[in-house]
Amino acid sequence: MLKLIFIFTLLVLNAVAQITAFDIRPFHYKSSTDNKIKVLDAKLLHIEALNGVKVSELSGLAYRNGVVYAVGDKGYLYTFSIDVKNSKIDKLILTKAYRLQTKNGKKLDSYDSEGLDFMGDDLLISFERKHRVDLYTTDGIKIKSIKINNKLKKLDNYKSENKGLESVTFNYLYGVVTAPEKPLINVNKSYHRLYTKHDIYKFKAKGSVTGLEFINDTKILVLLRNFNYLTRRRKTSLVSVDLNDCDTHHVCKSELLALFDSSKGWHIDNFEGLTKIGKNKFLMISDDNDSFFQKTLLVLFEIRN
């Protein structure tokens, strides 16, 4: 009996995602005036492999009932139990890790899985390279392919194979919404575009679209990344786009809610994943690119009314 208890304890300890407090804010940060978003907490994740599956390059998040689902670039789906107390990430435990599989139980021949969100009880996952959106069970088995806007179907329309469908979100009013990381090659580059099956919504913004999440029935929170390879300067923007307030040219009302700029003292990394966990409260996560020099940061924030 003691041996069984010891083994069980080891398994539990191996499943715990080691989290360390990490302040992404500059020392001069004043939450009441700097942004329309308040950073509540941030954690640096040091995650041990689970059942031989390495946890890295987390690029999409989805949340439901105390569980955070995360998808990694290499075609893996992870589940974490999360405990948020007093607007702080109190506990995060890695519970399962799956390789994404086809309907026949075979591993994918092309992954680069990026975006994640719930549709009903199942998970939408968006992909780059073979740009598509598919529906999966919560244990990583493909259910079906999702029909996307015709503009997104031709691979030659994308700036590159690595500038594809980085993000996806869903609600019952607009259906599946996705966006290429960079505007398609044959459109006005001063606008980003959000695509549903039949409609296109435009908004002005700089950077690359890496995350989408509905704030309410009509407003989408857009996560944008900007990285200068020469100066190493990083910028992360959060923009609200109202799909119900657009002009005749389909340009929608948008609002910059926050700009996190490393040159202004923000300690940020390559943020790509976004999910809502409660009223006006969200998580975002950074993709460490499986690099020793980058971090997996999990940030809890709220949108101020």
Protein backbone atom coordinates (compact mmCIF):
# COMPACT_ATOMS: atom_id res chain seq x y z
CA MET A 1 0.00 0.00 0.00
CA LEU A 2 2.79 2.43 0.91
CA LYS A 3 4.47 1.69 -2.41
CA LEU A 4 1.26 2.51 -4.30
CA ILE A 5 0.86 5.77 -2.38
CA PHE A 6 4.48 6.68 -3.19
CA ILE A 7 3.99 5.98 -6.91
CA PHE A 8 0.74 7.96 -6.97
CA THR A 9 2.46 10.89 -5.24
CA LEU A 10 5.24 10.87 -7.83
CA LEU A 11 2.71 10.87 -10.66
CA VAL A 12 0.88 13.84 -9.17
CA LEU A 13 4.10 15.76 -8.65
CA ASN A 14 5.15 15.09 -12.24
CA ALA A 15 1.81 16.46 -13.45
CA VAL A 16 2.17 19.77 -11.64
CA ALA A 17 3.09 22.61 -13.93
CA GLN A 18 5.74 24.48 -12.01
CA ILE A 19 4.69 28.12 -11.95
CA THR A 20 6.74 31.06 -10.78
CA ALA A 21 5.50 34.58 -10.16
CA PHE A 22 6.57 36.85 -13.00
CA ASP A 23 5.76 40.55 -13.32
CA ILE A 24 5.45 41.61 -16.95
CA ARG A 25 4.77 45.24 -15.97
CA PRO A 26 7.34 48.04 -16.08
CA PHE A 27 8.29 49.54 -12.73
CA HIS A 28 6.40 52.76 -13.56
CA TYR A 29 3.18 50.91 -14.40
CA LYS A 30 -0.04 52.51 -13.15
CA SER A 31 -2.94 50.20 -13.85
CA SER A 32 -5.53 52.94 -13.47
CA THR A 33 -4.14 55.13 -16.24
CA ASP A 34 -1.80 53.20 -18.55
CA ASN A 35 -4.29 50.88 -20.25
CA LYS A 36 -7.94 49.93 -20.48
CA ILE A 37 -6.75 46.51 -19.43
CA LYS A 38 -5.56 45.64 -15.93
CA VAL A 39 -2.89 42.98 -15.56
CA LEU A 40 -3.94 40.89 -12.56
CA ASP A 41 -1.24 38.22 -12.48
CA ALA A 42 1.44 36.53 -14.54
CA LYS A 43 3.25 33.24 -14.16
CA LEU A 44 6.36 31.78 -15.75
CA LEU A 45 5.72 28.12 -16.58
CA HIS A 46 8.33 25.38 -16.21
CA ILE A 47 6.42 22.33 -17.36
CA GLU A 48 7.74 18.79 -17.11
CA ALA A 49 6.98 16.30 -19.88
CA LEU A 50 3.91 14.15 -19.27
CA ASN A 51 4.04 10.52 -20.37
CA GLY A 52 6.98 11.39 -22.58
CA VAL A 53 5.19 14.30 -24.25
CA LYS A 54 7.16 17.54 -24.12
CA VAL A 55 5.15 20.67 -23.38
CA SER A 56 6.30 23.61 -25.48
CA GLU A 57 5.25 26.11 -28.16
CA LEU A 58 1.79 26.68 -26.66
CA SER A 59 -0.07 28.86 -29.13
CA GLY A 60 -3.81 28.49 -28.49
CA LEU A 61 -6.02 28.42 -25.38
CA ALA A 62 -9.60 27.47 -24.56
CA TYR A 63 -11.29 27.39 -21.16
CA ARG A 64 -14.26 25.61 -19.62
CA ASN A 65 -15.27 24.69 -16.06
CA GLY A 66 -11.91 25.09 -14.40
CA VAL A 67 -9.94 23.44 -17.20
CA VAL A 68 -7.60 25.18 -19.62
CA TYR A 69 -6.98 23.46 -22.95
CA ALA A 70 -3.83 24.39 -24.86
CA VAL A 71 -2.63 23.44 -28.31
CA GLY A 72 1.03 23.34 -29.29
CA ASP A 73 2.60 23.96 -32.68
CA LYS A 74 3.77 20.36 -33.00
CA GLY A 75 0.27 18.88 -33.01
CA TYR A 76 -0.28 18.25 -29.31
CA LEU A 77 -3.30 19.07 -27.15
CA TYR A 78 -2.83 19.61 -23.40
CA THR A 79 -5.27 20.00 -20.53
CA PHE A 80 -4.57 21.82 -17.27
CA SER A 81 -6.71 22.21 -14.21
CA ILE A 82 -6.51 25.82 -13.07
CA ASP A 83 -7.43 27.50 -9.83
CA VAL A 84 -7.84 31.28 -9.81
CA LYS A 85 -8.30 32.87 -6.38
CA ASN A 86 -8.54 36.55 -5.58
CA SER A 87 -7.63 37.42 -9.18
CA LYS A 88 -4.43 35.36 -8.96
CA ILE A 89 -3.40 32.13 -10.68
CA ASP A 90 -3.14 30.00 -7.55
CA LYS A 91 -2.59 26.59 -9.11
CA LEU A 92 -2.01 25.06 -12.53
CA ILE A 93 -1.78 21.30 -12.96
CA LEU A 94 -1.04 19.51 -16.22
CA THR A 95 -3.42 16.54 -16.35
CA LYS A 96 -3.36 15.16 -19.91
CA ALA A 97 -1.38 15.41 -23.13
CA TYR A 98 -2.61 14.07 -26.47
CA ARG A 99 -1.19 13.93 -29.96
CA LEU A 100 -3.80 15.18 -32.44
CA GLN A 101 -5.10 12.30 -34.53
CA THR A 102 -7.16 11.73 -37.63
CA LYS A 103 -10.59 10.11 -37.53
CA ASN A 104 -8.82 6.77 -38.06
CA GLY A 105 -6.53 7.27 -35.08
CA LYS A 106 -3.41 8.11 -37.10
CA LYS A 107 -1.15 11.04 -36.28
CA LEU A 108 -1.45 14.09 -38.53
CA ASP A 109 0.86 14.31 -41.54
CA SER A 110 0.72 18.11 -41.31
CA TYR A 111 0.21 19.86 -38.01
CA ASP A 112 1.37 23.44 -37.17
CA SER A 113 -1.70 23.71 -34.94
CA GLU A 114 -2.21 27.30 -33.77
CA GLY A 115 -5.66 28.55 -32.71
CA LEU A 116 -8.12 26.97 -30.29
CA ASP A 117 -11.69 27.53 -29.06
CA PHE A 118 -14.77 25.61 -28.08
CA MET A 119 -17.66 25.01 -30.45
CA GLY A 120 -20.31 23.28 -28.38
CA ASP A 121 -18.59 20.51 -26.46
CA ASP A 122 -15.77 20.11 -28.98
CA LEU A 123 -12.66 22.06 -29.93
CA LEU A 124 -11.98 24.12 -33.03
CA ILE A 125 -8.32 24.12 -34.06
CA SER A 126 -6.88 26.35 -36.78
CA PHE A 127 -3.73 25.47 -38.70
CA GLU A 128 -0.97 27.06 -40.75
CA ARG A 129 0.86 25.65 -43.79
CA LYS A 130 -2.17 23.59 -44.80
CA HIS A 131 -4.44 26.48 -43.81
CA ARG A 132 -7.66 25.10 -42.38
CA VAL A 133 -9.98 24.84 -39.36
CA ASP A 134 -10.95 21.42 -38.03
CA LEU A 135 -13.17 20.23 -35.21
CA TYR A 136 -11.72 17.85 -32.60
CA THR A 137 -12.86 16.02 -29.51
CA THR A 138 -11.37 17.17 -26.22
CA ASP A 139 -9.03 14.16 -26.35
CA GLY A 140 -7.58 15.17 -29.71
CA ILE A 141 -9.49 13.05 -32.26
CA LYS A 142 -10.61 14.80 -35.44
CA ILE A 143 -14.37 14.96 -35.95
CA LYS A 144 -14.64 16.90 -39.21
CA SER A 145 -13.28 19.75 -41.30
CA ILE A 146 -14.97 23.14 -40.95
CA LYS A 147 -16.08 25.06 -44.03
CA ILE A 148 -14.24 28.39 -44.13
CA ASN A 149 -14.51 31.50 -46.29
CA ASN A 150 -13.66 30.89 -49.95
CA LYS A 151 -10.97 33.61 -49.80
CA LEU A 152 -9.04 31.46 -47.33
CA LYS A 153 -9.06 28.24 -49.31
CA LYS A 154 -6.33 29.01 -51.86
CA LEU A 155 -2.88 28.52 -50.40
CA ASP A 156 -1.42 30.97 -52.94
CA ASN A 157 -3.46 33.80 -51.39
CA TYR A 158 -1.35 33.79 -48.22
CA LYS A 159 1.78 35.88 -47.70
CA SER A 160 3.61 32.68 -46.83
CA GLU A 161 2.82 29.20 -45.57
CA ASN A 162 3.80 30.36 -42.08
CA LYS A 163 1.39 33.32 -42.12
CA GLY A 164 -1.79 31.31 -42.05
CA LEU A 165 -4.74 30.80 -39.73
CA GLU A 166 -3.03 31.56 -36.43
CA SER A 167 -6.30 32.03 -34.53
CA VAL A 168 -9.94 31.00 -34.35
CA THR A 169 -12.98 31.73 -32.19
CA PHE A 170 -16.70 30.95 -32.19
CA ASN A 171 -20.10 32.13 -31.04
CA TYR A 172 -23.61 31.24 -32.13
CA LEU A 173 -24.31 34.63 -33.71
CA TYR A 174 -21.36 34.75 -36.12
CA GLY A 175 -20.26 31.13 -36.19
CA VAL A 176 -16.58 30.30 -36.72
CA VAL A 177 -14.35 33.36 -37.02
CA THR A 178 -10.73 33.09 -38.12
CA ALA A 179 -7.99 35.34 -39.48
CA PRO A 180 -4.68 34.97 -41.29
CA GLU A 181 -1.70 36.21 -39.32
CA LYS A 182 -0.93 38.70 -42.09
CA PRO A 183 -3.38 40.11 -44.69
CA LEU A 184 -3.75 38.04 -47.84
CA ILE A 185 -1.56 39.11 -50.76
CA ASN A 186 -4.37 40.47 -52.94
CA VAL A 187 -5.99 42.88 -50.43
CA ASN A 188 -5.35 46.32 -48.96
CA LYS A 189 -2.60 45.72 -46.36
CA SER A 190 -3.69 48.61 -44.13
CA TYR A 191 -6.52 46.46 -42.79
CA HIS A 192 -6.68 43.14 -41.02
CA ARG A 193 -9.67 40.97 -41.83
CA LEU A 194 -11.77 38.64 -39.71
CA TYR A 195 -13.43 35.92 -41.78
CA THR A 196 -16.65 34.03 -41.13
CA LYS A 197 -17.97 31.46 -43.58
CA HIS A 198 -19.74 34.12 -45.66
CA ASP A 199 -18.64 37.54 -44.37
CA ILE A 200 -15.47 39.61 -43.95
CA TYR A 201 -14.94 42.26 -41.26
CA LYS A 202 -12.06 44.75 -41.52
CA PHE A 203 -10.25 46.82 -38.90
CA LYS A 204 -7.16 49.00 -38.88
CA ALA A 205 -4.27 47.66 -36.86
CA LYS A 206 -0.55 47.00 -37.03
CA GLY A 207 1.22 43.74 -36.30
CA SER A 208 0.24 40.11 -36.80
CA VAL A 209 -3.04 38.54 -35.64
CA THR A 210 -2.19 35.72 -33.23
CA GLY A 211 -5.29 35.36 -31.05
CA LEU A 212 -9.07 35.88 -31.13
CA GLU A 213 -11.72 35.63 -28.42
CA PHE A 214 -15.27 36.99 -28.15
CA ILE A 215 -15.69 39.59 -25.39
CA ASN A 216 -19.47 39.51 -25.72
CA ASP A 217 -22.00 38.65 -28.45
CA THR A 218 -20.63 41.14 -30.99
CA LYS A 219 -17.18 42.28 -29.87
CA ILE A 220 -14.01 40.31 -30.51
CA LEU A 221 -10.75 40.76 -28.62
CA VAL A 222 -7.83 40.57 -31.05
CA LEU A 223 -4.29 39.76 -29.91
CA LEU A 224 -1.60 41.25 -32.15
CA ARG A 225 2.14 40.67 -32.14
CA ASN A 226 4.93 42.82 -33.51
CA PHE A 227 8.59 41.79 -33.39
CA ASN A 228 11.58 43.65 -34.84
CA TYR A 229 14.32 41.12 -35.59
CA LEU A 230 16.95 43.87 -35.84
CA THR A 231 16.27 45.69 -32.56
CA ARG A 232 14.65 42.66 -30.80
CA ARG A 233 11.84 44.98 -29.75
CA ARG A 234 8.58 43.21 -28.93
CA LYS A 235 5.11 44.71 -28.89
CA THR A 236 1.82 43.06 -27.96
CA SER A 237 -1.49 44.83 -28.64
CA LEU A 238 -5.02 44.00 -27.55
CA VAL A 239 -7.74 45.49 -29.74
CA SER A 240 -11.51 45.31 -29.43
CA VAL A 241 -13.41 45.00 -32.74
CA ASP A 242 -17.21 45.43 -32.85
CA LEU A 243 -18.65 43.25 -35.64
CA ASN A 244 -22.01 44.95 -35.20
CA ASP A 245 -20.65 48.45 -35.86
CA CYS A 246 -19.21 48.50 -39.37
CA ASP A 247 -19.51 50.94 -42.28
CA THR A 248 -20.59 50.20 -45.86
CA HIS A 249 -17.02 49.13 -46.69
CA HIS A 250 -17.13 46.55 -43.88
CA VAL A 251 -14.63 48.50 -41.77
CA CYS A 252 -15.62 47.95 -38.15
CA LYS A 253 -15.22 50.14 -35.11
CA SER A 254 -12.10 49.14 -33.21
CA GLU A 255 -10.42 50.29 -30.02
CA LEU A 256 -6.88 49.81 -28.77
CA LEU A 257 -7.26 48.51 -25.22
CA ALA A 258 -3.60 47.93 -24.39
CA LEU A 259 -0.12 48.15 -25.87
CA PHE A 260 2.69 46.27 -24.14
CA ASP A 261 6.02 47.47 -25.55
CA SER A 262 9.34 45.97 -24.46
CA SER A 263 11.11 49.27 -25.18
CA LYS A 264 8.84 50.85 -22.54
CA GLY A 265 9.83 48.35 -19.87
CA TRP A 266 7.23 45.61 -20.44
CA HIS A 267 8.69 42.13 -19.87
CA ILE A 268 6.83 40.26 -22.56
CA ASP A 269 7.40 37.40 -24.96
CA ASN A 270 5.75 35.89 -28.04
CA PHE A 271 2.05 36.00 -27.04
CA GLU A 272 -0.19 33.88 -29.26
CA GLY A 273 -3.01 32.32 -27.23
CA LEU A 274 -6.10 33.95 -25.72
CA THR A 275 -9.19 32.72 -23.85
CA LYS A 276 -11.96 34.13 -21.68
CA ILE A 277 -12.32 32.63 -18.19
CA GLY A 278 -14.96 34.88 -16.63
CA LYS A 279 -16.72 38.21 -16.92
CA ASN A 280 -14.16 40.54 -18.54
CA LYS A 281 -11.33 38.23 -17.42
CA PHE A 282 -8.94 36.56 -19.85
CA LEU A 283 -5.79 34.50 -20.06
CA MET A 284 -3.09 34.88 -22.68
CA ILE A 285 -0.04 32.70 -23.21
CA SER A 286 3.27 33.06 -25.03
CA ASP A 287 4.78 30.54 -27.45
CA ASP A 288 8.39 29.85 -26.44
CA ASN A 289 9.26 28.51 -29.93
CA ASP A 290 10.91 25.60 -28.12
CA SER A 291 13.82 27.96 -27.47
CA PHE A 292 16.04 28.23 -24.40
CA PHE A 293 16.03 32.00 -24.86
CA GLN A 294 12.24 32.42 -24.70
CA LYS A 295 9.60 31.95 -22.01
CA THR A 296 6.15 30.45 -21.61
CA LEU A 297 4.24 33.21 -19.82
CA LEU A 298 0.64 32.87 -18.68
CA VAL A 299 -1.01 36.24 -17.99
CA LEU A 300 -4.34 36.91 -16.31
CA PHE A 301 -5.96 40.25 -17.11
CA GLU A 302 -9.31 41.99 -17.12
CA ILE A 303 -10.93 44.55 -19.40
CA ARG A 304 -12.00 47.61 -17.48
CA ASN A 305 -15.59 48.80 -17.94
